[in-house]
Amino acid sequence: MGCAASNCVRLLLDEMYPRVIASELHARGHDVVSVHDWPGRGASDEDVLAYARGQGRAVVTENVRDFRAVGEMLNAAGESHAGLVFTTPKRWPRSNAGALIGALDELLKTTPEQPTDGELWL
């Protein structure tokens, strides 16, 4: 069961998350892609957010300090981004991808619109 393209929250998972998380969420009908596919592992935070902006995707990341700063710089310059979704490795350990898949699935089912210029926390 997917959502209408005009009101789906779209995500780009940062490189600290395995590609399988994006694949599983996609299989559940969500529009989620992995940095591992594009723009690629090792891309700068600025390049990741630029790619996400171009695709209308919120970035899911543990890197709060850097992505928050890049988002704030964009907003200060009068530019926009499609949102940031922050997680912590303490709450969502990488060794338990299933828990994060479940949390992101629930977030995607219950968030009515793209968090443009905003932050969501898991």
PDB file of N, CA and C in Angstrom:
ATOM      1  N   MET A   1       0.842  -1.169   0.000  1.00  0.00           N
ATOM      2  CA  MET A   1       0.000   0.000   0.000  1.00  0.00           C
ATOM      3  C   MET A   1       0.887   1.231   0.000  1.00  0.00           C
ATOM      4  N   GLY A   2       0.942   1.958  -1.089  1.00  0.00           N
ATOM      5  CA  GLY A   2       1.757   3.161  -1.201  1.00  0.00           C
ATOM      6  C   GLY A   2       0.911   4.393  -0.957  1.00  0.00           C
ATOM      7  N   CYS A   3       1.477   5.537  -1.315  1.00  0.00           N
ATOM      8  CA  CYS A   3       0.740   6.784  -1.172  1.00  0.00           C
ATOM      9  C   CYS A   3       0.777   7.502  -2.506  1.00  0.00           C
ATOM     10  N   ALA A   4      -0.088   8.471  -2.677  1.00  0.00           N
ATOM     11  CA  ALA A   4      -0.079   9.258  -3.906  1.00  0.00           C
ATOM     12  C   ALA A   4       1.241  10.011  -3.989  1.00  0.00           C
ATOM     13  N   ALA A   5       1.827  10.044  -5.152  1.00  0.00           N
ATOM     14  CA  ALA A   5       3.161  10.636  -5.322  1.00  0.00           C
ATOM     15  C   ALA A   5       3.230  12.066  -4.809  1.00  0.00           C
ATOM     16  N   SER A   6       2.143  12.799  -4.893  1.00  0.00           N
ATOM     17  CA  SER A   6       2.175  14.203  -4.486  1.00  0.00           C
ATOM     18  C   SER A   6       2.238  14.387  -2.974  1.00  0.00           C
ATOM     19  N   ASN A   7       1.913  13.363  -2.193  1.00  0.00           N
ATOM     20  CA  ASN A   7       1.957  13.552  -0.750  1.00  0.00           C
ATOM     21  C   ASN A   7       2.737  12.466  -0.024  1.00  0.00           C
ATOM     22  N   CYS A   8       3.679  11.860  -0.706  1.00  0.00           N
ATOM     23  CA  CYS A   8       4.574  10.902  -0.071  1.00  0.00           C
ATOM     24  C   CYS A   8       5.747  11.639   0.556  1.00  0.00           C
ATOM     25  N   VAL A   9       6.161  11.198   1.715  1.00  0.00           N
ATOM     26  CA  VAL A   9       7.432  11.655   2.259  1.00  0.00           C
ATOM     27  C   VAL A   9       8.501  10.801   1.595  1.00  0.00           C
ATOM     28  N   ARG A  10       9.485  11.464   1.031  1.00  0.00           N
ATOM     29  CA  ARG A  10      10.559  10.778   0.312  1.00  0.00           C
ATOM     30  C   ARG A  10      11.837  10.910   1.127  1.00  0.00           C
ATOM     31  N   LEU A  11      12.605   9.814   1.223  1.00  0.00           N
ATOM     32  CA  LEU A  11      13.804   9.805   2.056  1.00  0.00           C
ATOM     33  C   LEU A  11      15.048   9.390   1.285  1.00  0.00           C
ATOM     34  N   LEU A  12      16.182   9.919   1.738  1.00  0.00           N
ATOM     35  CA  LEU A  12      17.513   9.494   1.309  1.00  0.00           C
ATOM     36  C   LEU A  12      18.262   9.092   2.573  1.00  0.00           C
ATOM     37  N   LEU A  13      18.646   7.822   2.669  1.00  0.00           N
ATOM     38  CA  LEU A  13      19.364   7.323   3.840  1.00  0.00           C
ATOM     39  C   LEU A  13      20.849   7.594   3.700  1.00  0.00           C
ATOM     40  N   ASP A  14      21.442   8.201   4.722  1.00  0.00           N
ATOM     41  CA  ASP A  14      22.868   8.518   4.725  1.00  0.00           C
ATOM     42  C   ASP A  14      23.694   7.231   4.745  1.00  0.00           C
ATOM     43  N   GLU A  15      24.984   7.387   4.496  1.00  0.00           N
ATOM     44  CA  GLU A  15      25.851   6.227   4.268  1.00  0.00           C
ATOM     45  C   GLU A  15      26.075   5.328   5.475  1.00  0.00           C
ATOM     46  N   MET A  16      25.765   5.786   6.686  1.00  0.00           N
ATOM     47  CA  MET A  16      25.981   4.917   7.849  1.00  0.00           C
ATOM     48  C   MET A  16      24.956   3.783   7.927  1.00  0.00           C
ATOM     49  N   TYR A  17      23.899   3.881   7.114  1.00  0.00           N
ATOM     50  CA  TYR A  17      22.859   2.856   7.124  1.00  0.00           C
ATOM     51  C   TYR A  17      23.058   1.884   5.960  1.00  0.00           C
ATOM     52  N   PRO A  18      22.911   0.590   6.211  1.00  0.00           N
ATOM     53  CA  PRO A  18      23.061  -0.370   5.116  1.00  0.00           C
ATOM     54  C   PRO A  18      21.958  -0.202   4.062  1.00  0.00           C
ATOM     55  N   ARG A  19      22.303  -0.467   2.843  1.00  0.00           N
ATOM     56  CA  ARG A  19      21.396  -0.349   1.696  1.00  0.00           C
ATOM     57  C   ARG A  19      20.115  -1.163   1.900  1.00  0.00           C
ATOM     58  N   VAL A  20      20.198  -2.263   2.655  1.00  0.00           N
ATOM     59  CA  VAL A  20      19.039  -3.134   2.856  1.00  0.00           C
ATOM     60  C   VAL A  20      17.875  -2.388   3.520  1.00  0.00           C
ATOM     61  N   ILE A  21      18.155  -1.359   4.306  1.00  0.00           N
ATOM     62  CA  ILE A  21      17.071  -0.599   4.947  1.00  0.00           C
ATOM     63  C   ILE A  21      16.233   0.098   3.877  1.00  0.00           C
ATOM     64  N   ALA A  22      16.898   0.752   2.925  1.00  0.00           N
ATOM     65  CA  ALA A  22      16.169   1.409   1.836  1.00  0.00           C
ATOM     66  C   ALA A  22      15.407   0.382   1.009  1.00  0.00           C
ATOM     67  N   SER A  23      16.035  -0.753   0.737  1.00  0.00           N
ATOM     68  CA  SER A  23      15.385  -1.802  -0.059  1.00  0.00           C
ATOM     69  C   SER A  23      14.130  -2.322   0.621  1.00  0.00           C
ATOM     70  N   GLU A  24      14.211  -2.569   1.922  1.00  0.00           N
ATOM     71  CA  GLU A  24      13.057  -3.089   2.654  1.00  0.00           C
ATOM     72  C   GLU A  24      11.928  -2.053   2.707  1.00  0.00           C
ATOM     73  N   LEU A  25      12.269  -0.786   2.934  1.00  0.00           N
ATOM     74  CA  LEU A  25      11.230   0.246   2.969  1.00  0.00           C
ATOM     75  C   LEU A  25      10.602   0.427   1.588  1.00  0.00           C
ATOM     76  N   HIS A  26      11.415   0.332   0.548  1.00  0.00           N
ATOM     77  CA  HIS A  26      10.890   0.411  -0.818  1.00  0.00           C
ATOM     78  C   HIS A  26       9.921  -0.754  -1.078  1.00  0.00           C
ATOM     79  N   ALA A  27      10.274  -1.937  -0.607  1.00  0.00           N
ATOM     80  CA  ALA A  27       9.404  -3.109  -0.764  1.00  0.00           C
ATOM     81  C   ALA A  27       8.077  -2.922  -0.033  1.00  0.00           C
ATOM     82  N   ARG A  28       8.078  -2.072   0.999  1.00  0.00           N
ATOM     83  CA  ARG A  28       6.847  -1.791   1.744  1.00  0.00           C
ATOM     84  C   ARG A  28       6.051  -0.641   1.126  1.00  0.00           C
ATOM     85  N   GLY A  29       6.505  -0.169  -0.033  1.00  0.00           N
ATOM     86  CA  GLY A  29       5.750   0.859  -0.751  1.00  0.00           C
ATOM     87  C   GLY A  29       6.200   2.285  -0.515  1.00  0.00           C
ATOM     88  N   HIS A  30       7.351   2.474   0.128  1.00  0.00           N
ATOM     89  CA  HIS A  30       7.836   3.820   0.412  1.00  0.00           C
ATOM     90  C   HIS A  30       8.893   4.242  -0.601  1.00  0.00           C
ATOM     91  N   ASP A  31       8.999   5.542  -0.805  1.00  0.00           N
ATOM     92  CA  ASP A  31       9.972   6.108  -1.742  1.00  0.00           C
ATOM     93  C   ASP A  31      11.243   6.447  -0.961  1.00  0.00           C
ATOM     94  N   VAL A  32      12.115   5.472  -0.834  1.00  0.00           N
ATOM     95  CA  VAL A  32      13.341   5.585  -0.041  1.00  0.00           C
ATOM     96  C   VAL A  32      14.506   5.068  -0.874  1.00  0.00           C
ATOM     97  N   VAL A  33      15.593   5.832  -0.884  1.00  0.00           N
ATOM     98  CA  VAL A  33      16.814   5.419  -1.567  1.00  0.00           C
ATOM     99  C   VAL A  33      17.997   5.577  -0.622  1.00  0.00           C
ATOM    100  N   SER A  34      19.101   4.972  -1.006  1.00  0.00           N
ATOM    101  CA  SER A  34      20.309   4.975  -0.182  1.00  0.00           C
ATOM    102  C   SER A  34      21.407   5.800  -0.828  1.00  0.00           C
ATOM    103  N   VAL A  35      22.169   6.511  -0.009  1.00  0.00           N
ATOM    104  CA  VAL A  35      23.347   7.233  -0.485  1.00  0.00           C
ATOM    105  C   VAL A  35      24.302   6.273  -1.188  1.00  0.00           C
ATOM    106  N   HIS A  36      24.280   4.997  -0.789  1.00  0.00           N
ATOM    107  CA  HIS A  36      25.169   4.012  -1.413  1.00  0.00           C
ATOM    108  C   HIS A  36      24.917   3.916  -2.919  1.00  0.00           C
ATOM    109  N   ASP A  37      23.679   4.179  -3.337  1.00  0.00           N
ATOM    110  CA  ASP A  37      23.348   4.128  -4.758  1.00  0.00           C
ATOM    111  C   ASP A  37      23.664   5.450  -5.457  1.00  0.00           C
ATOM    112  N   TRP A  38      23.333   6.555  -4.834  1.00  0.00           N
ATOM    113  CA  TRP A  38      23.641   7.870  -5.386  1.00  0.00           C
ATOM    114  C   TRP A  38      23.420   8.899  -4.304  1.00  0.00           C
ATOM    115  N   PRO A  39      24.262   9.840  -4.043  1.00  0.00           N
ATOM    116  CA  PRO A  39      25.434  10.255  -4.793  1.00  0.00           C
ATOM    117  C   PRO A  39      26.668   9.410  -4.542  1.00  0.00           C
ATOM    118  N   GLY A  40      26.577   8.432  -3.667  1.00  0.00           N
ATOM    119  CA  GLY A  40      27.682   7.501  -3.451  1.00  0.00           C
ATOM    120  C   GLY A  40      28.338   7.675  -2.092  1.00  0.00           C
ATOM    121  N   ARG A  41      28.847   6.568  -1.599  1.00  0.00           N
ATOM    122  CA  ARG A  41      29.540   6.543  -0.313  1.00  0.00           C
ATOM    123  C   ARG A  41      30.731   7.490  -0.373  1.00  0.00           C
ATOM    124  N   GLY A  42      30.940   8.255   0.686  1.00  0.00           N
ATOM    125  CA  GLY A  42      32.062   9.184   0.748  1.00  0.00           C
ATOM    126  C   GLY A  42      31.738  10.572   0.215  1.00  0.00           C
ATOM    127  N   ALA A  43      30.513  10.773  -0.298  1.00  0.00           N
ATOM    128  CA  ALA A  43      30.122  12.106  -0.759  1.00  0.00           C
ATOM    129  C   ALA A  43      30.078  13.050   0.430  1.00  0.00           C
ATOM    130  N   SER A  44      30.397  14.308   0.204  1.00  0.00           N
ATOM    131  CA  SER A  44      30.365  15.296   1.287  1.00  0.00           C
ATOM    132  C   SER A  44      28.925  15.506   1.754  1.00  0.00           C
ATOM    133  N   ASP A  45      28.775  16.002   2.965  1.00  0.00           N
ATOM    134  CA  ASP A  45      27.438  16.290   3.492  1.00  0.00           C
ATOM    135  C   ASP A  45      26.714  17.288   2.591  1.00  0.00           C
ATOM    136  N   GLU A  46      27.454  18.271   2.088  1.00  0.00           N
ATOM    137  CA  GLU A  46      26.865  19.263   1.194  1.00  0.00           C
ATOM    138  C   GLU A  46      26.345  18.609  -0.082  1.00  0.00           C
ATOM    139  N   ASP A  47      27.126  17.674  -0.646  1.00  0.00           N
ATOM    140  CA  ASP A  47      26.696  16.976  -1.860  1.00  0.00           C
ATOM    141  C   ASP A  47      25.495  16.072  -1.599  1.00  0.00           C
ATOM    142  N   VAL A  48      25.485  15.430  -0.439  1.00  0.00           N
ATOM    143  CA  VAL A  48      24.348  14.571  -0.086  1.00  0.00           C
ATOM    144  C   VAL A  48      23.081  15.411   0.034  1.00  0.00           C
ATOM    145  N   LEU A  49      23.173  16.540   0.732  1.00  0.00           N
ATOM    146  CA  LEU A  49      21.987  17.383   0.890  1.00  0.00           C
ATOM    147  C   LEU A  49      21.585  18.020  -0.442  1.00  0.00           C
ATOM    148  N   ALA A  50      22.546  18.374  -1.276  1.00  0.00           N
ATOM    149  CA  ALA A  50      22.227  18.931  -2.592  1.00  0.00           C
ATOM    150  C   ALA A  50      21.476  17.900  -3.437  1.00  0.00           C
ATOM    151  N   TYR A  51      21.951  16.660  -3.416  1.00  0.00           N
ATOM    152  CA  TYR A  51      21.260  15.600  -4.147  1.00  0.00           C
ATOM    153  C   TYR A  51      19.846  15.414  -3.591  1.00  0.00           C
ATOM    154  N   ALA A  52      19.721  15.350  -2.275  1.00  0.00           N
ATOM    155  CA  ALA A  52      18.409  15.176  -1.643  1.00  0.00           C
ATOM    156  C   ALA A  52      17.477  16.325  -2.014  1.00  0.00           C
ATOM    157  N   ARG A  53      17.987  17.537  -2.011  1.00  0.00           N
ATOM    158  CA  ARG A  53      17.169  18.702  -2.386  1.00  0.00           C
ATOM    159  C   ARG A  53      16.656  18.556  -3.811  1.00  0.00           C
ATOM    160  N   GLY A  54      17.550  18.170  -4.711  1.00  0.00           N
ATOM    161  CA  GLY A  54      17.169  18.011  -6.112  1.00  0.00           C
ATOM    162  C   GLY A  54      16.118  16.936  -6.330  1.00  0.00           C
ATOM    163  N   GLN A  55      16.103  15.947  -5.457  1.00  0.00           N
ATOM    164  CA  GLN A  55      15.145  14.838  -5.547  1.00  0.00           C
ATOM    165  C   GLN A  55      13.920  15.049  -4.658  1.00  0.00           C
ATOM    166  N   GLY A  56      13.910  16.119  -3.868  1.00  0.00           N
ATOM    167  CA  GLY A  56      12.801  16.345  -2.940  1.00  0.00           C
ATOM    168  C   GLY A  56      12.755  15.317  -1.829  1.00  0.00           C
ATOM    169  N   ARG A  57      13.938  14.947  -1.313  1.00  0.00           N
ATOM    170  CA  ARG A  57      14.035  13.920  -0.278  1.00  0.00           C
ATOM    171  C   ARG A  57      14.584  14.498   1.018  1.00  0.00           C
ATOM    172  N   ALA A  58      14.043  14.050   2.130  1.00  0.00           N
ATOM    173  CA  ALA A  58      14.619  14.354   3.430  1.00  0.00           C
ATOM    174  C   ALA A  58      15.783  13.398   3.658  1.00  0.00           C
ATOM    175  N   VAL A  59      16.841  13.886   4.274  1.00  0.00           N
ATOM    176  CA  VAL A  59      18.002  13.055   4.581  1.00  0.00           C
ATOM    177  C   VAL A  59      17.810  12.435   5.961  1.00  0.00           C
ATOM    178  N   VAL A  60      17.978  11.120   6.057  1.00  0.00           N
ATOM    179  CA  VAL A  60      17.965  10.412   7.337  1.00  0.00           C
ATOM    180  C   VAL A  60      19.420  10.191   7.720  1.00  0.00           C
ATOM    181  N   THR A  61      19.811  10.686   8.908  1.00  0.00           N
ATOM    182  CA  THR A  61      21.213  10.626   9.306  1.00  0.00           C
ATOM    183  C   THR A  61      21.365  10.662  10.821  1.00  0.00           C
ATOM    184  N   GLU A  62      22.510  10.175  11.283  1.00  0.00           N
ATOM    185  CA  GLU A  62      22.914  10.326  12.685  1.00  0.00           C
ATOM    186  C   GLU A  62      23.759  11.585  12.850  1.00  0.00           C
ATOM    187  N   ASN A  63      24.192  12.167  11.744  1.00  0.00           N
ATOM    188  CA  ASN A  63      25.129  13.280  11.745  1.00  0.00           C
ATOM    189  C   ASN A  63      24.395  14.609  11.953  1.00  0.00           C
ATOM    190  N   VAL A  64      23.888  14.804  13.150  1.00  0.00           N
ATOM    191  CA  VAL A  64      23.076  15.977  13.473  1.00  0.00           C
ATOM    192  C   VAL A  64      23.894  17.256  13.313  1.00  0.00           C
ATOM    193  N   ARG A  65      25.069  17.300  13.896  1.00  0.00           N
ATOM    194  CA  ARG A  65      25.867  18.529  13.908  1.00  0.00           C
ATOM    195  C   ARG A  65      26.110  19.057  12.499  1.00  0.00           C
ATOM    196  N   ASP A  66      26.583  18.211  11.609  1.00  0.00           N
ATOM    197  CA  ASP A  66      26.948  18.679  10.274  1.00  0.00           C
ATOM    198  C   ASP A  66      25.735  18.971   9.397  1.00  0.00           C
ATOM    199  N   PHE A  67      24.746  18.080   9.393  1.00  0.00           N
ATOM    200  CA  PHE A  67      23.595  18.308   8.524  1.00  0.00           C
ATOM    201  C   PHE A  67      22.731  19.465   9.015  1.00  0.00           C
ATOM    202  N   ARG A  68      22.621  19.644  10.312  1.00  0.00           N
ATOM    203  CA  ARG A  68      21.873  20.790  10.826  1.00  0.00           C
ATOM    204  C   ARG A  68      22.552  22.085  10.367  1.00  0.00           C
ATOM    205  N   ALA A  69      23.874  22.125  10.439  1.00  0.00           N
ATOM    206  CA  ALA A  69      24.616  23.324  10.021  1.00  0.00           C
ATOM    207  C   ALA A  69      24.422  23.607   8.530  1.00  0.00           C
ATOM    208  N   VAL A  70      24.484  22.572   7.697  1.00  0.00           N
ATOM    209  CA  VAL A  70      24.301  22.755   6.248  1.00  0.00           C
ATOM    210  C   VAL A  70      22.871  23.232   5.965  1.00  0.00           C
ATOM    211  N   GLY A  71      21.896  22.648   6.637  1.00  0.00           N
ATOM    212  CA  GLY A  71      20.505  23.073   6.467  1.00  0.00           C
ATOM    213  C   GLY A  71      20.294  24.512   6.880  1.00  0.00           C
ATOM    214  N   GLU A  72      20.904  24.906   7.990  1.00  0.00           N
ATOM    215  CA  GLU A  72      20.782  26.293   8.460  1.00  0.00           C
ATOM    216  C   GLU A  72      21.447  27.268   7.490  1.00  0.00           C
ATOM    217  N   MET A  73      22.589  26.863   6.903  1.00  0.00           N
ATOM    218  CA  MET A  73      23.245  27.725   5.911  1.00  0.00           C
ATOM    219  C   MET A  73      22.357  27.914   4.681  1.00  0.00           C
ATOM    220  N   LEU A  74      21.717  26.858   4.238  1.00  0.00           N
ATOM    221  CA  LEU A  74      20.806  26.968   3.102  1.00  0.00           C
ATOM    222  C   LEU A  74      19.672  27.932   3.420  1.00  0.00           C
ATOM    223  N   ASN A  75      19.053  27.754   4.582  1.00  0.00           N
ATOM    224  CA  ASN A  75      17.939  28.610   4.967  1.00  0.00           C
ATOM    225  C   ASN A  75      18.367  30.065   5.100  1.00  0.00           C
ATOM    226  N   ALA A  76      19.564  30.308   5.651  1.00  0.00           N
ATOM    227  CA  ALA A  76      20.075  31.675   5.794  1.00  0.00           C
ATOM    228  C   ALA A  76      20.297  32.316   4.429  1.00  0.00           C
ATOM    229  N   ALA A  77      20.602  31.493   3.416  1.00  0.00           N
ATOM    230  CA  ALA A  77      20.816  31.995   2.058  1.00  0.00           C
ATOM    231  C   ALA A  77      19.496  32.101   1.285  1.00  0.00           C
ATOM    232  N   GLY A  78      18.374  31.829   1.972  1.00  0.00           N
ATOM    233  CA  GLY A  78      17.077  31.913   1.324  1.00  0.00           C
ATOM    234  C   GLY A  78      16.727  30.694   0.491  1.00  0.00           C
ATOM    235  N   GLU A  79      17.458  29.594   0.704  1.00  0.00           N
ATOM    236  CA  GLU A  79      17.191  28.363  -0.027  1.00  0.00           C
ATOM    237  C   GLU A  79      16.498  27.363   0.894  1.00  0.00           C
ATOM    238  N   SER A  80      15.963  26.330   0.300  1.00  0.00           N
ATOM    239  CA  SER A  80      15.160  25.366   1.029  1.00  0.00           C
ATOM    240  C   SER A  80      15.737  23.961   0.887  1.00  0.00           C
ATOM    241  N   HIS A  81      15.337  23.076   1.780  1.00  0.00           N
ATOM    242  CA  HIS A  81      15.652  21.654   1.659  1.00  0.00           C
ATOM    243  C   HIS A  81      14.405  20.870   2.022  1.00  0.00           C
ATOM    244  N   ALA A  82      14.407  19.579   1.718  1.00  0.00           N
ATOM    245  CA  ALA A  82      13.214  18.747   1.895  1.00  0.00           C
ATOM    246  C   ALA A  82      13.110  18.120   3.270  1.00  0.00           C
ATOM    247  N   GLY A  83      13.952  18.549   4.202  1.00  0.00           N
ATOM    248  CA  GLY A  83      13.858  18.083   5.575  1.00  0.00           C
ATOM    249  C   GLY A  83      15.009  17.188   5.987  1.00  0.00           C
ATOM    250  N   LEU A  84      15.129  17.045   7.293  1.00  0.00           N
ATOM    251  CA  LEU A  84      16.155  16.210   7.911  1.00  0.00           C
ATOM    252  C   LEU A  84      15.474  15.311   8.935  1.00  0.00           C
ATOM    253  N   VAL A  85      15.839  14.041   8.924  1.00  0.00           N
ATOM    254  CA  VAL A  85      15.327  13.089   9.910  1.00  0.00           C
ATOM    255  C   VAL A  85      16.539  12.586  10.676  1.00  0.00           C
ATOM    256  N   PHE A  86      16.582  12.899  11.965  1.00  0.00           N
ATOM    257  CA  PHE A  86      17.732  12.557  12.785  1.00  0.00           C
ATOM    258  C   PHE A  86      17.452  11.325  13.643  1.00  0.00           C
ATOM    259  N   THR A  87      18.473  10.490  13.750  1.00  0.00           N
ATOM    260  CA  THR A  87      18.427   9.305  14.595  1.00  0.00           C
ATOM    261  C   THR A  87      19.669   9.300  15.475  1.00  0.00           C
ATOM    262  N   THR A  88      19.723   8.399  16.414  1.00  0.00           N
ATOM    263  CA  THR A  88      20.927   8.224  17.223  1.00  0.00           C
ATOM    264  C   THR A  88      21.292   6.741  17.233  1.00  0.00           C
ATOM    265  N   PRO A  89      22.592   6.447  17.210  1.00  0.00           N
ATOM    266  CA  PRO A  89      22.997   5.041  17.238  1.00  0.00           C
ATOM    267  C   PRO A  89      22.667   4.374  18.569  1.00  0.00           C
ATOM    268  N   LYS A  90      22.509   5.171  19.606  1.00  0.00           N
ATOM    269  CA  LYS A  90      22.157   4.596  20.909  1.00  0.00           C
ATOM    270  C   LYS A  90      20.720   4.054  20.875  1.00  0.00           C
ATOM    271  N   ARG A  91      19.817   4.830  20.308  1.00  0.00           N
ATOM    272  CA  ARG A  91      18.416   4.393  20.246  1.00  0.00           C
ATOM    273  C   ARG A  91      18.186   3.392  19.121  1.00  0.00           C
ATOM    274  N   TRP A  92      18.881   3.586  17.983  1.00  0.00           N
ATOM    275  CA  TRP A  92      18.703   2.735  16.811  1.00  0.00           C
ATOM    276  C   TRP A  92      20.054   2.157  16.404  1.00  0.00           C
ATOM    277  N   PRO A  93      20.567   1.166  17.158  1.00  0.00           N
ATOM    278  CA  PRO A  93      21.886   0.599  16.832  1.00  0.00           C
ATOM    279  C   PRO A  93      21.917  -0.004  15.428  1.00  0.00           C
ATOM    280  N   ARG A  94      23.022   0.208  14.768  1.00  0.00           N
ATOM    281  CA  ARG A  94      23.167  -0.301  13.394  1.00  0.00           C
ATOM    282  C   ARG A  94      23.101  -1.815  13.337  1.00  0.00           C
ATOM    283  N   SER A  95      23.378  -2.470  14.456  1.00  0.00           N
ATOM    284  CA  SER A  95      23.323  -3.934  14.508  1.00  0.00           C
ATOM    285  C   SER A  95      21.889  -4.457  14.486  1.00  0.00           C
ATOM    286  N   ASN A  96      20.905  -3.548  14.610  1.00  0.00           N
ATOM    287  CA  ASN A  96      19.503  -3.949  14.617  1.00  0.00           C
ATOM    288  C   ASN A  96      18.746  -3.167  13.542  1.00  0.00           C
ATOM    289  N   ALA A  97      19.030  -3.474  12.283  1.00  0.00           N
ATOM    290  CA  ALA A  97      18.401  -2.767  11.168  1.00  0.00           C
ATOM    291  C   ALA A  97      16.883  -2.912  11.203  1.00  0.00           C
ATOM    292  N   GLY A  98      16.396  -4.041  11.683  1.00  0.00           N
ATOM    293  CA  GLY A  98      14.955  -4.272  11.724  1.00  0.00           C
ATOM    294  C   GLY A  98      14.214  -3.240  12.551  1.00  0.00           C
ATOM    295  N   ALA A  99      14.782  -2.832  13.670  1.00  0.00           N
ATOM    296  CA  ALA A  99      14.136  -1.831  14.523  1.00  0.00           C
ATOM    297  C   ALA A  99      14.035  -0.491  13.799  1.00  0.00           C
ATOM    298  N   LEU A 100      15.108  -0.102  13.117  1.00  0.00           N
ATOM    299  CA  LEU A 100      15.086   1.166  12.386  1.00  0.00           C
ATOM    300  C   LEU A 100      14.124   1.081  11.202  1.00  0.00           C
ATOM    301  N   ILE A 101      14.083  -0.043  10.533  1.00  0.00           N
ATOM    302  CA  ILE A 101      13.123  -0.229   9.434  1.00  0.00           C
ATOM    303  C   ILE A 101      11.705  -0.030   9.961  1.00  0.00           C
ATOM    304  N   GLY A 102      11.397  -0.637  11.094  1.00  0.00           N
ATOM    305  CA  GLY A 102      10.072  -0.487  11.682  1.00  0.00           C
ATOM    306  C   GLY A 102       9.752   0.947  12.049  1.00  0.00           C
ATOM    307  N   ALA A 103      10.720   1.642  12.633  1.00  0.00           N
ATOM    308  CA  ALA A 103      10.505   3.035  13.041  1.00  0.00           C
ATOM    309  C   ALA A 103      10.321   3.943  11.828  1.00  0.00           C
ATOM    310  N   LEU A 104      11.135   3.742  10.789  1.00  0.00           N
ATOM    311  CA  LEU A 104      10.992   4.562   9.585  1.00  0.00           C
ATOM    312  C   LEU A 104       9.691   4.237   8.845  1.00  0.00           C
ATOM    313  N   ASP A 105       9.308   2.972   8.822  1.00  0.00           N
ATOM    314  CA  ASP A 105       8.036   2.576   8.219  1.00  0.00           C
ATOM    315  C   ASP A 105       6.892   3.303   8.907  1.00  0.00           C
ATOM    316  N   GLU A 106       6.904   3.312  10.218  1.00  0.00           N
ATOM    317  CA  GLU A 106       5.850   4.002  10.980  1.00  0.00           C
ATOM    318  C   GLU A 106       5.880   5.507  10.716  1.00  0.00           C
ATOM    319  N   LEU A 107       7.065   6.092  10.699  1.00  0.00           N
ATOM    320  CA  LEU A 107       7.199   7.523  10.409  1.00  0.00           C
ATOM    321  C   LEU A 107       6.607   7.842   9.039  1.00  0.00           C
ATOM    322  N   LEU A 108       6.937   7.031   8.047  1.00  0.00           N
ATOM    323  CA  LEU A 108       6.448   7.269   6.691  1.00  0.00           C
ATOM    324  C   LEU A 108       4.937   7.079   6.586  1.00  0.00           C
ATOM    325  N   LYS A 109       4.387   6.188   7.368  1.00  0.00           N
ATOM    326  CA  LYS A 109       2.933   5.960   7.356  1.00  0.00           C
ATOM    327  C   LYS A 109       2.175   7.089   8.053  1.00  0.00           C
ATOM    328  N   THR A 110       2.820   7.753   9.010  1.00  0.00           N
ATOM    329  CA  THR A 110       2.095   8.725   9.841  1.00  0.00           C
ATOM    330  C   THR A 110       2.471  10.183   9.593  1.00  0.00           C
ATOM    331  N   THR A 111       3.473  10.428   8.768  1.00  0.00           N
ATOM    332  CA  THR A 111       3.860  11.807   8.474  1.00  0.00           C
ATOM    333  C   THR A 111       3.150  12.227   7.195  1.00  0.00           C
ATOM    334  N   PRO A 112       2.268  13.224   7.275  1.00  0.00           N
ATOM    335  CA  PRO A 112       1.415  13.540   6.136  1.00  0.00           C
ATOM    336  C   PRO A 112       2.101  14.275   4.984  1.00  0.00           C
ATOM    337  N   GLU A 113       3.229  14.936   5.262  1.00  0.00           N
ATOM    338  CA  GLU A 113       3.875  15.678   4.184  1.00  0.00           C
ATOM    339  C   GLU A 113       5.372  15.810   4.422  1.00  0.00           C
ATOM    340  N   GLN A 114       6.076  16.116   3.371  1.00  0.00           N
ATOM    341  CA  GLN A 114       7.520  16.295   3.424  1.00  0.00           C
ATOM    342  C   GLN A 114       7.856  17.362   4.474  1.00  0.00           C
ATOM    343  N   PRO A 115       8.836  17.098   5.347  1.00  0.00           N
ATOM    344  CA  PRO A 115       9.168  18.071   6.413  1.00  0.00           C
ATOM    345  C   PRO A 115      10.067  19.207   5.898  1.00  0.00           C
ATOM    346  N   THR A 116       9.616  19.931   4.887  1.00  0.00           N
ATOM    347  CA  THR A 116      10.399  20.957   4.232  1.00  0.00           C
ATOM    348  C   THR A 116      11.010  21.926   5.238  1.00  0.00           C
ATOM    349  N   ASP A 117      12.327  22.065   5.160  1.00  0.00           N
ATOM    350  CA  ASP A 117      13.121  22.931   6.040  1.00  0.00           C
ATOM    351  C   ASP A 117      13.017  22.562   7.515  1.00  0.00           C
ATOM    352  N   GLY A 118      12.422  21.435   7.827  1.00  0.00           N
ATOM    353  CA  GLY A 118      12.236  21.035   9.209  1.00  0.00           C
ATOM    354  C   GLY A 118      13.092  19.852   9.603  1.00  0.00           C
ATOM    355  N   GLU A 119      12.971  19.502  10.869  1.00  0.00           N
ATOM    356  CA  GLU A 119      13.678  18.357  11.437  1.00  0.00           C
ATOM    357  C   GLU A 119      12.661  17.429  12.087  1.00  0.00           C
ATOM    358  N   LEU A 120      12.854  16.150  11.895  1.00  0.00           N
ATOM    359  CA  LEU A 120      12.101  15.122  12.604  1.00  0.00           C
ATOM    360  C   LEU A 120      13.111  14.276  13.361  1.00  0.00           C
ATOM    361  N   TRP A 121      12.743  13.795  14.521  1.00  0.00           N
ATOM    362  CA  TRP A 121      13.611  12.924  15.330  1.00  0.00           C
ATOM    363  C   TRP A 121      12.941  11.575  15.512  1.00  0.00           C
ATOM    364  N   LEU A 122      13.740  10.533  15.369  1.00  0.00           N
ATOM    365  CA  LEU A 122      13.276   9.175  15.689  1.00  0.00           C
ATOM    366  C   LEU A 122      13.795   8.815  17.062  1.00  0.00           C
TER     367      LEU A 122
END
